[in-house]
Amino acid sequence: MKWTSVLAIYCLFWVMSAFFVMPFFVRTAEEEGEELVPGQAESAPHNFRPRAILLWTTIVAAVLFLLYYANYVNGWIVAEDLDFTR
């Protein structure tokens, strides 16, 4: 596999992982026991931590990509295995 393909596939896993990880780090002002700022939406995060989100997204994406790559090298699941018309 070319390194550009590896990079592109990892980036896809990273973006997918970001959407998976983000809800786990959101705590609203109500959950924190704090008052809302006038005009603030009730669902707005109280303490947004982008570094934690970036770190966990990178870790999850790396694990998923390593599983994908191990499957690519070892051929555990191939396209023929996913043909359910048989």
PDB file of N, CA and C in Angstrom:
ATOM      1  N   MET A   1       0.848  -1.166   0.000  1.00  0.00           N
ATOM      2  CA  MET A   1       0.000   0.000   0.000  1.00  0.00           C
ATOM      3  C   MET A   1       0.898   1.235   0.000  1.00  0.00           C
ATOM      4  N   LYS A   2       0.572   2.203  -0.839  1.00  0.00           N
ATOM      5  CA  LYS A   2       1.363   3.429  -0.914  1.00  0.00           C
ATOM      6  C   LYS A   2       1.161   4.273   0.350  1.00  0.00           C
ATOM      7  N   TRP A   3       2.168   5.078   0.663  1.00  0.00           N
ATOM      8  CA  TRP A   3       2.083   5.897   1.878  1.00  0.00           C
ATOM      9  C   TRP A   3       0.980   6.939   1.759  1.00  0.00           C
ATOM     10  N   THR A   4       0.669   7.388   0.545  1.00  0.00           N
ATOM     11  CA  THR A   4      -0.413   8.358   0.378  1.00  0.00           C
ATOM     12  C   THR A   4      -1.764   7.713   0.673  1.00  0.00           C
ATOM     13  N   SER A   5      -1.905   6.453   0.315  1.00  0.00           N
ATOM     14  CA  SER A   5      -3.139   5.729   0.635  1.00  0.00           C
ATOM     15  C   SER A   5      -3.264   5.537   2.140  1.00  0.00           C
ATOM     16  N   VAL A   6      -2.160   5.203   2.778  1.00  0.00           N
ATOM     17  CA  VAL A   6      -2.151   5.039   4.233  1.00  0.00           C
ATOM     18  C   VAL A   6      -2.577   6.344   4.902  1.00  0.00           C
ATOM     19  N   LEU A   7      -2.014   7.451   4.460  1.00  0.00           N
ATOM     20  CA  LEU A   7      -2.344   8.755   5.036  1.00  0.00           C
ATOM     21  C   LEU A   7      -3.812   9.101   4.810  1.00  0.00           C
ATOM     22  N   ALA A   8      -4.316   8.894   3.609  1.00  0.00           N
ATOM     23  CA  ALA A   8      -5.711   9.214   3.297  1.00  0.00           C
ATOM     24  C   ALA A   8      -6.669   8.369   4.131  1.00  0.00           C
ATOM     25  N   ILE A   9      -6.396   7.082   4.261  1.00  0.00           N
ATOM     26  CA  ILE A   9      -7.264   6.195   5.029  1.00  0.00           C
ATOM     27  C   ILE A   9      -7.201   6.548   6.510  1.00  0.00           C
ATOM     28  N   TYR A  10      -6.003   6.865   7.017  1.00  0.00           N
ATOM     29  CA  TYR A  10      -5.886   7.283   8.421  1.00  0.00           C
ATOM     30  C   TYR A  10      -6.683   8.568   8.660  1.00  0.00           C
ATOM     31  N   CYS A  11      -6.626   9.511   7.730  1.00  0.00           N
ATOM     32  CA  CYS A  11      -7.384  10.766   7.879  1.00  0.00           C
ATOM     33  C   CYS A  11      -8.881  10.490   7.919  1.00  0.00           C
ATOM     34  N   LEU A  12      -9.347   9.555   7.111  1.00  0.00           N
ATOM     35  CA  LEU A  12     -10.765   9.185   7.159  1.00  0.00           C
ATOM     36  C   LEU A  12     -11.130   8.584   8.517  1.00  0.00           C
ATOM     37  N   PHE A  13     -10.288   7.710   9.025  1.00  0.00           N
ATOM     38  CA  PHE A  13     -10.522   7.150  10.351  1.00  0.00           C
ATOM     39  C   PHE A  13     -10.482   8.242  11.416  1.00  0.00           C
ATOM     40  N   TRP A  14      -9.603   9.225  11.256  1.00  0.00           N
ATOM     41  CA  TRP A  14      -9.472  10.294  12.249  1.00  0.00           C
ATOM     42  C   TRP A  14     -10.742  11.133  12.294  1.00  0.00           C
ATOM     43  N   VAL A  15     -11.262  11.513  11.138  1.00  0.00           N
ATOM     44  CA  VAL A  15     -12.484  12.324  11.100  1.00  0.00           C
ATOM     45  C   VAL A  15     -13.662  11.534  11.669  1.00  0.00           C
ATOM     46  N   MET A  16     -13.770  10.268  11.292  1.00  0.00           N
ATOM     47  CA  MET A  16     -14.842   9.429  11.815  1.00  0.00           C
ATOM     48  C   MET A  16     -14.722   9.310  13.339  1.00  0.00           C
ATOM     49  N   SER A  17     -13.517   9.153  13.835  1.00  0.00           N
ATOM     50  CA  SER A  17     -13.299   9.029  15.270  1.00  0.00           C
ATOM     51  C   SER A  17     -13.619  10.318  16.011  1.00  0.00           C
ATOM     52  N   ALA A  18     -13.384  11.453  15.376  1.00  0.00           N
ATOM     53  CA  ALA A  18     -13.688  12.740  16.011  1.00  0.00           C
ATOM     54  C   ALA A  18     -15.176  12.841  16.324  1.00  0.00           C
ATOM     55  N   PHE A  19     -16.022  12.421  15.371  1.00  0.00           N
ATOM     56  CA  PHE A  19     -17.459  12.456  15.613  1.00  0.00           C
ATOM     57  C   PHE A  19     -17.874  11.454  16.677  1.00  0.00           C
ATOM     58  N   PHE A  20     -17.124  10.381  16.822  1.00  0.00           N
ATOM     59  CA  PHE A  20     -17.409   9.390  17.858  1.00  0.00           C
ATOM     60  C   PHE A  20     -16.975   9.896  19.234  1.00  0.00           C
ATOM     61  N   VAL A  21     -15.829  10.564  19.315  1.00  0.00           N
ATOM     62  CA  VAL A  21     -15.233  10.964  20.590  1.00  0.00           C
ATOM     63  C   VAL A  21     -15.856  12.233  21.170  1.00  0.00           C
ATOM     64  N   MET A  22     -16.235  13.175  20.333  1.00  0.00           N
ATOM     65  CA  MET A  22     -16.687  14.485  20.834  1.00  0.00           C
ATOM     66  C   MET A  22     -17.798  14.433  21.880  1.00  0.00           C
ATOM     67  N   PRO A  23     -18.831  13.628  21.728  1.00  0.00           N
ATOM     68  CA  PRO A  23     -19.889  13.653  22.750  1.00  0.00           C
ATOM     69  C   PRO A  23     -19.431  13.210  24.139  1.00  0.00           C
ATOM     70  N   PHE A  24     -18.349  12.459  24.233  1.00  0.00           N
ATOM     71  CA  PHE A  24     -17.896  11.974  25.536  1.00  0.00           C
ATOM     72  C   PHE A  24     -17.243  13.062  26.379  1.00  0.00           C
ATOM     73  N   PHE A  25     -16.868  14.181  25.800  1.00  0.00           N
ATOM     74  CA  PHE A  25     -16.171  15.230  26.532  1.00  0.00           C
ATOM     75  C   PHE A  25     -17.010  16.488  26.686  1.00  0.00           C
ATOM     76  N   VAL A  26     -18.313  16.402  26.457  1.00  0.00           N
ATOM     77  CA  VAL A  26     -19.180  17.566  26.555  1.00  0.00           C
ATOM     78  C   VAL A  26     -19.943  17.508  27.873  1.00  0.00           C
ATOM     79  N   ARG A  27     -19.784  18.551  28.669  1.00  0.00           N
ATOM     80  CA  ARG A  27     -20.550  18.707  29.898  1.00  0.00           C
ATOM     81  C   ARG A  27     -21.144  20.105  29.869  1.00  0.00           C
ATOM     82  N   THR A  28     -22.441  20.173  30.058  1.00  0.00           N
ATOM     83  CA  THR A  28     -23.121  21.458  30.011  1.00  0.00           C
ATOM     84  C   THR A  28     -22.963  22.187  31.349  1.00  0.00           C
ATOM     85  N   ALA A  29     -23.351  23.458  31.352  1.00  0.00           N
ATOM     86  CA  ALA A  29     -23.277  24.254  32.589  1.00  0.00           C
ATOM     87  C   ALA A  29     -24.184  23.658  33.654  1.00  0.00           C
ATOM     88  N   GLU A  30     -25.324  23.150  33.248  1.00  0.00           N
ATOM     89  CA  GLU A  30     -26.247  22.533  34.208  1.00  0.00           C
ATOM     90  C   GLU A  30     -25.615  21.310  34.864  1.00  0.00           C
ATOM     91  N   GLU A  31     -24.938  20.475  34.070  1.00  0.00           N
ATOM     92  CA  GLU A  31     -24.268  19.290  34.628  1.00  0.00           C
ATOM     93  C   GLU A  31     -23.126  19.675  35.555  1.00  0.00           C
ATOM     94  N   GLU A  32     -22.502  20.807  35.306  1.00  0.00           N
ATOM     95  CA  GLU A  32     -21.398  21.278  36.141  1.00  0.00           C
ATOM     96  C   GLU A  32     -21.886  22.069  37.352  1.00  0.00           C
ATOM     97  N   GLY A  33     -23.193  22.371  37.382  1.00  0.00           N
ATOM     98  CA  GLY A  33     -23.743  23.137  38.491  1.00  0.00           C
ATOM     99  C   GLY A  33     -23.443  24.628  38.392  1.00  0.00           C
ATOM    100  N   GLU A  34     -23.193  25.104  37.199  1.00  0.00           N
ATOM    101  CA  GLU A  34     -22.866  26.514  36.982  1.00  0.00           C
ATOM    102  C   GLU A  34     -24.064  27.242  36.388  1.00  0.00           C
ATOM    103  N   GLU A  35     -24.028  28.575  36.500  1.00  0.00           N
ATOM    104  CA  GLU A  35     -25.082  29.410  35.922  1.00  0.00           C
ATOM    105  C   GLU A  35     -24.810  29.619  34.439  1.00  0.00           C
ATOM    106  N   LEU A  36     -25.879  29.742  33.656  1.00  0.00           N
ATOM    107  CA  LEU A  36     -25.741  30.039  32.231  1.00  0.00           C
ATOM    108  C   LEU A  36     -25.413  31.514  32.039  1.00  0.00           C
ATOM    109  N   VAL A  37     -24.573  31.800  31.073  1.00  0.00           N
ATOM    110  CA  VAL A  37     -24.288  33.164  30.683  1.00  0.00           C
ATOM    111  C   VAL A  37     -25.501  33.659  29.894  1.00  0.00           C
ATOM    112  N   PRO A  38     -25.937  34.903  30.076  1.00  0.00           N
ATOM    113  CA  PRO A  38     -27.101  35.379  29.315  1.00  0.00           C
ATOM    114  C   PRO A  38     -26.885  35.201  27.811  1.00  0.00           C
ATOM    115  N   GLY A  39     -27.854  34.561  27.162  1.00  0.00           N
ATOM    116  CA  GLY A  39     -27.780  34.300  25.736  1.00  0.00           C
ATOM    117  C   GLY A  39     -27.140  32.964  25.387  1.00  0.00           C
ATOM    118  N   GLN A  40     -26.647  32.245  26.372  1.00  0.00           N
ATOM    119  CA  GLN A  40     -25.986  30.952  26.135  1.00  0.00           C
ATOM    120  C   GLN A  40     -27.035  29.857  25.956  1.00  0.00           C
ATOM    121  N   ALA A  41     -26.817  28.995  24.973  1.00  0.00           N
ATOM    122  CA  ALA A  41     -27.698  27.852  24.783  1.00  0.00           C
ATOM    123  C   ALA A  41     -27.501  26.859  25.914  1.00  0.00           C
ATOM    124  N   GLU A  42     -28.586  26.203  26.306  1.00  0.00           N
ATOM    125  CA  GLU A  42     -28.491  25.232  27.406  1.00  0.00           C
ATOM    126  C   GLU A  42     -27.588  24.054  27.063  1.00  0.00           C
ATOM    127  N   SER A  43     -27.481  23.738  25.773  1.00  0.00           N
ATOM    128  CA  SER A  43     -26.674  22.592  25.352  1.00  0.00           C
ATOM    129  C   SER A  43     -25.210  22.953  25.082  1.00  0.00           C
ATOM    130  N   ALA A  44     -24.841  24.205  25.247  1.00  0.00           N
ATOM    131  CA  ALA A  44     -23.461  24.625  24.975  1.00  0.00           C
ATOM    132  C   ALA A  44     -22.517  24.012  26.008  1.00  0.00           C
ATOM    133  N   PRO A  45     -21.333  23.575  25.559  1.00  0.00           N
ATOM    134  CA  PRO A  45     -20.390  22.988  26.517  1.00  0.00           C
ATOM    135  C   PRO A  45     -19.902  24.025  27.522  1.00  0.00           C
ATOM    136  N   HIS A  46     -19.784  23.596  28.759  1.00  0.00           N
ATOM    137  CA  HIS A  46     -19.313  24.497  29.810  1.00  0.00           C
ATOM    138  C   HIS A  46     -17.798  24.665  29.749  1.00  0.00           C
ATOM    139  N   ASN A  47     -17.119  23.552  29.611  1.00  0.00           N
ATOM    140  CA  ASN A  47     -15.657  23.582  29.617  1.00  0.00           C
ATOM    141  C   ASN A  47     -15.169  22.794  28.406  1.00  0.00           C
ATOM    142  N   PHE A  48     -15.034  23.459  27.273  1.00  0.00           N
ATOM    143  CA  PHE A  48     -14.604  22.795  26.044  1.00  0.00           C
ATOM    144  C   PHE A  48     -13.112  22.524  26.122  1.00  0.00           C
ATOM    145  N   ARG A  49     -12.707  21.255  25.936  1.00  0.00           N
ATOM    146  CA  ARG A  49     -11.304  20.860  26.019  1.00  0.00           C
ATOM    147  C   ARG A  49     -10.843  20.259  24.692  1.00  0.00           C
ATOM    148  N   PRO A  50     -10.417  21.095  23.741  1.00  0.00           N
ATOM    149  CA  PRO A  50     -10.048  20.568  22.422  1.00  0.00           C
ATOM    150  C   PRO A  50      -8.826  19.657  22.453  1.00  0.00           C
ATOM    151  N   ARG A  51      -7.888  19.892  23.363  1.00  0.00           N
ATOM    152  CA  ARG A  51      -6.692  19.026  23.423  1.00  0.00           C
ATOM    153  C   ARG A  51      -7.064  17.601  23.798  1.00  0.00           C
ATOM    154  N   ALA A  52      -7.979  17.448  24.741  1.00  0.00           N
ATOM    155  CA  ALA A  52      -8.413  16.103  25.137  1.00  0.00           C
ATOM    156  C   ALA A  52      -9.125  15.420  23.977  1.00  0.00           C
ATOM    157  N   ILE A  53      -9.951  16.171  23.266  1.00  0.00           N
ATOM    158  CA  ILE A  53     -10.663  15.606  22.121  1.00  0.00           C
ATOM    159  C   ILE A  53      -9.674  15.196  21.036  1.00  0.00           C
ATOM    160  N   LEU A  54      -8.692  16.048  20.753  1.00  0.00           N
ATOM    161  CA  LEU A  54      -7.688  15.719  19.733  1.00  0.00           C
ATOM    162  C   LEU A  54      -6.874  14.486  20.132  1.00  0.00           C
ATOM    163  N   LEU A  55      -6.486  14.410  21.394  1.00  0.00           N
ATOM    164  CA  LEU A  55      -5.699  13.269  21.869  1.00  0.00           C
ATOM    165  C   LEU A  55      -6.488  11.966  21.741  1.00  0.00           C
ATOM    166  N   TRP A  56      -7.722  11.961  22.259  1.00  0.00           N
ATOM    167  CA  TRP A  56      -8.521  10.739  22.207  1.00  0.00           C
ATOM    168  C   TRP A  56      -8.915  10.368  20.789  1.00  0.00           C
ATOM    169  N   THR A  57      -9.170  11.381  19.960  1.00  0.00           N
ATOM    170  CA  THR A  57      -9.483  11.111  18.558  1.00  0.00           C
ATOM    171  C   THR A  57      -8.303  10.446  17.870  1.00  0.00           C
ATOM    172  N   THR A  58      -7.109  10.937  18.121  1.00  0.00           N
ATOM    173  CA  THR A  58      -5.904  10.362  17.525  1.00  0.00           C
ATOM    174  C   THR A  58      -5.680   8.927  17.994  1.00  0.00           C
ATOM    175  N   ILE A  59      -5.905   8.671  19.279  1.00  0.00           N
ATOM    176  CA  ILE A  59      -5.725   7.319  19.811  1.00  0.00           C
ATOM    177  C   ILE A  59      -6.736   6.350  19.199  1.00  0.00           C
ATOM    178  N   VAL A  60      -8.010   6.744  19.178  1.00  0.00           N
ATOM    179  CA  VAL A  60      -9.052   5.877  18.613  1.00  0.00           C
ATOM    180  C   VAL A  60      -8.798   5.629  17.132  1.00  0.00           C
ATOM    181  N   ALA A  61      -8.430   6.684  16.394  1.00  0.00           N
ATOM    182  CA  ALA A  61      -8.164   6.534  14.962  1.00  0.00           C
ATOM    183  C   ALA A  61      -6.970   5.615  14.720  1.00  0.00           C
ATOM    184  N   ALA A  62      -5.941   5.727  15.544  1.00  0.00           N
ATOM    185  CA  ALA A  62      -4.766   4.873  15.383  1.00  0.00           C
ATOM    186  C   ALA A  62      -5.120   3.402  15.617  1.00  0.00           C
ATOM    187  N   VAL A  63      -5.899   3.127  16.646  1.00  0.00           N
ATOM    188  CA  VAL A  63      -6.297   1.746  16.932  1.00  0.00           C
ATOM    189  C   VAL A  63      -7.143   1.180  15.792  1.00  0.00           C
ATOM    190  N   LEU A  64      -8.120   1.972  15.341  1.00  0.00           N
ATOM    191  CA  LEU A  64      -8.971   1.505  14.240  1.00  0.00           C
ATOM    192  C   LEU A  64      -8.164   1.303  12.961  1.00  0.00           C
ATOM    193  N   PHE A  65      -7.236   2.229  12.686  1.00  0.00           N
ATOM    194  CA  PHE A  65      -6.421   2.084  11.480  1.00  0.00           C
ATOM    195  C   PHE A  65      -5.511   0.867  11.578  1.00  0.00           C
ATOM    196  N   LEU A  66      -4.928   0.619  12.740  1.00  0.00           N
ATOM    197  CA  LEU A  66      -4.070  -0.558  12.896  1.00  0.00           C
ATOM    198  C   LEU A  66      -4.860  -1.848  12.689  1.00  0.00           C
ATOM    199  N   LEU A  67      -6.097  -1.883  13.166  1.00  0.00           N
ATOM    200  CA  LEU A  67      -6.943  -3.054  12.908  1.00  0.00           C
ATOM    201  C   LEU A  67      -7.236  -3.197  11.422  1.00  0.00           C
ATOM    202  N   TYR A  68      -7.535  -2.071  10.768  1.00  0.00           N
ATOM    203  CA  TYR A  68      -7.783  -2.089   9.325  1.00  0.00           C
ATOM    204  C   TYR A  68      -6.541  -2.586   8.570  1.00  0.00           C
ATOM    205  N   TYR A  69      -5.381  -2.065   8.933  1.00  0.00           N
ATOM    206  CA  TYR A  69      -4.156  -2.427   8.236  1.00  0.00           C
ATOM    207  C   TYR A  69      -3.779  -3.892   8.485  1.00  0.00           C
ATOM    208  N   ALA A  70      -3.990  -4.356   9.722  1.00  0.00           N
ATOM    209  CA  ALA A  70      -3.725  -5.765  10.017  1.00  0.00           C
ATOM    210  C   ALA A  70      -4.637  -6.663   9.184  1.00  0.00           C
ATOM    211  N   ASN A  71      -5.887  -6.253   9.016  1.00  0.00           N
ATOM    212  CA  ASN A  71      -6.796  -7.017   8.164  1.00  0.00           C
ATOM    213  C   ASN A  71      -6.337  -6.961   6.710  1.00  0.00           C
ATOM    214  N   TYR A  72      -5.859  -5.821   6.269  1.00  0.00           N
ATOM    215  CA  TYR A  72      -5.370  -5.664   4.892  1.00  0.00           C
ATOM    216  C   TYR A  72      -4.182  -6.598   4.624  1.00  0.00           C
ATOM    217  N   VAL A  73      -3.275  -6.675   5.580  1.00  0.00           N
ATOM    218  CA  VAL A  73      -2.075  -7.499   5.413  1.00  0.00           C
ATOM    219  C   VAL A  73      -2.405  -8.985   5.533  1.00  0.00           C
ATOM    220  N   ASN A  74      -3.204  -9.352   6.523  1.00  0.00           N
ATOM    221  CA  ASN A  74      -3.468 -10.758   6.809  1.00  0.00           C
ATOM    222  C   ASN A  74      -4.674 -11.326   6.075  1.00  0.00           C
ATOM    223  N   GLY A  75      -5.538 -10.475   5.543  1.00  0.00           N
ATOM    224  CA  GLY A  75      -6.697 -10.947   4.792  1.00  0.00           C
ATOM    225  C   GLY A  75      -7.714 -11.690   5.625  1.00  0.00           C
ATOM    226  N   TRP A  76      -7.964 -11.240   6.846  1.00  0.00           N
ATOM    227  CA  TRP A  76      -8.940 -11.903   7.709  1.00  0.00           C
ATOM    228  C   TRP A  76     -10.342 -11.820   7.119  1.00  0.00           C
ATOM    229  N   ILE A  77     -10.732 -10.625   6.679  1.00  0.00           N
ATOM    230  CA  ILE A  77     -12.043 -10.426   6.056  1.00  0.00           C
ATOM    231  C   ILE A  77     -11.797  -9.831   4.676  1.00  0.00           C
ATOM    232  N   VAL A  78     -12.253 -10.514   3.656  1.00  0.00           N
ATOM    233  CA  VAL A  78     -12.071 -10.048   2.278  1.00  0.00           C
ATOM    234  C   VAL A  78     -13.449  -9.779   1.671  1.00  0.00           C
ATOM    235  N   ALA A  79     -13.484  -9.182   0.480  1.00  0.00           N
ATOM    236  CA  ALA A  79     -14.737  -8.803  -0.161  1.00  0.00           C
ATOM    237  C   ALA A  79     -15.652 -10.007  -0.370  1.00  0.00           C
ATOM    238  N   GLU A  80     -15.098 -11.166  -0.668  1.00  0.00           N
ATOM    239  CA  GLU A  80     -15.903 -12.359  -0.901  1.00  0.00           C
ATOM    240  C   GLU A  80     -16.652 -12.780   0.363  1.00  0.00           C
ATOM    241  N   ASP A  81     -16.085 -12.486   1.531  1.00  0.00           N
ATOM    242  CA  ASP A  81     -16.750 -12.813   2.794  1.00  0.00           C
ATOM    243  C   ASP A  81     -17.991 -11.965   3.007  1.00  0.00           C
ATOM    244  N   LEU A  82     -18.051 -10.809   2.377  1.00  0.00           N
ATOM    245  CA  LEU A  82     -19.169  -9.889   2.558  1.00  0.00           C
ATOM    246  C   LEU A  82     -20.242 -10.041   1.489  1.00  0.00           C
ATOM    247  N   ASP A  83     -20.101 -11.007   0.607  1.00  0.00           N
ATOM    248  CA  ASP A  83     -21.084 -11.268  -0.457  1.00  0.00           C
ATOM    249  C   ASP A  83     -22.200 -12.131   0.130  1.00  0.00           C
ATOM    250  N   PHE A  84     -23.325 -11.498   0.449  1.00  0.00           N
ATOM    251  CA  PHE A  84     -24.414 -12.204   1.091  1.00  0.00           C
ATOM    252  C   PHE A  84     -25.441 -12.745   0.098  1.00  0.00           C
ATOM    253  N   THR A  85     -25.162 -12.650  -1.191  1.00  0.00           N
ATOM    254  CA  THR A  85     -26.110 -13.127  -2.201  1.00  0.00           C
ATOM    255  C   THR A  85     -25.960 -14.623  -2.460  1.00  0.00           C
ATOM    256  N   ARG A  86     -24.966 -15.248  -1.887  1.00  0.00           N
ATOM    257  CA  ARG A  86     -24.753 -16.680  -2.101  1.00  0.00           C
ATOM    258  C   ARG A  86     -25.804 -17.501  -1.413  1.00  0.00           C
TER     259      ARG A  86
END
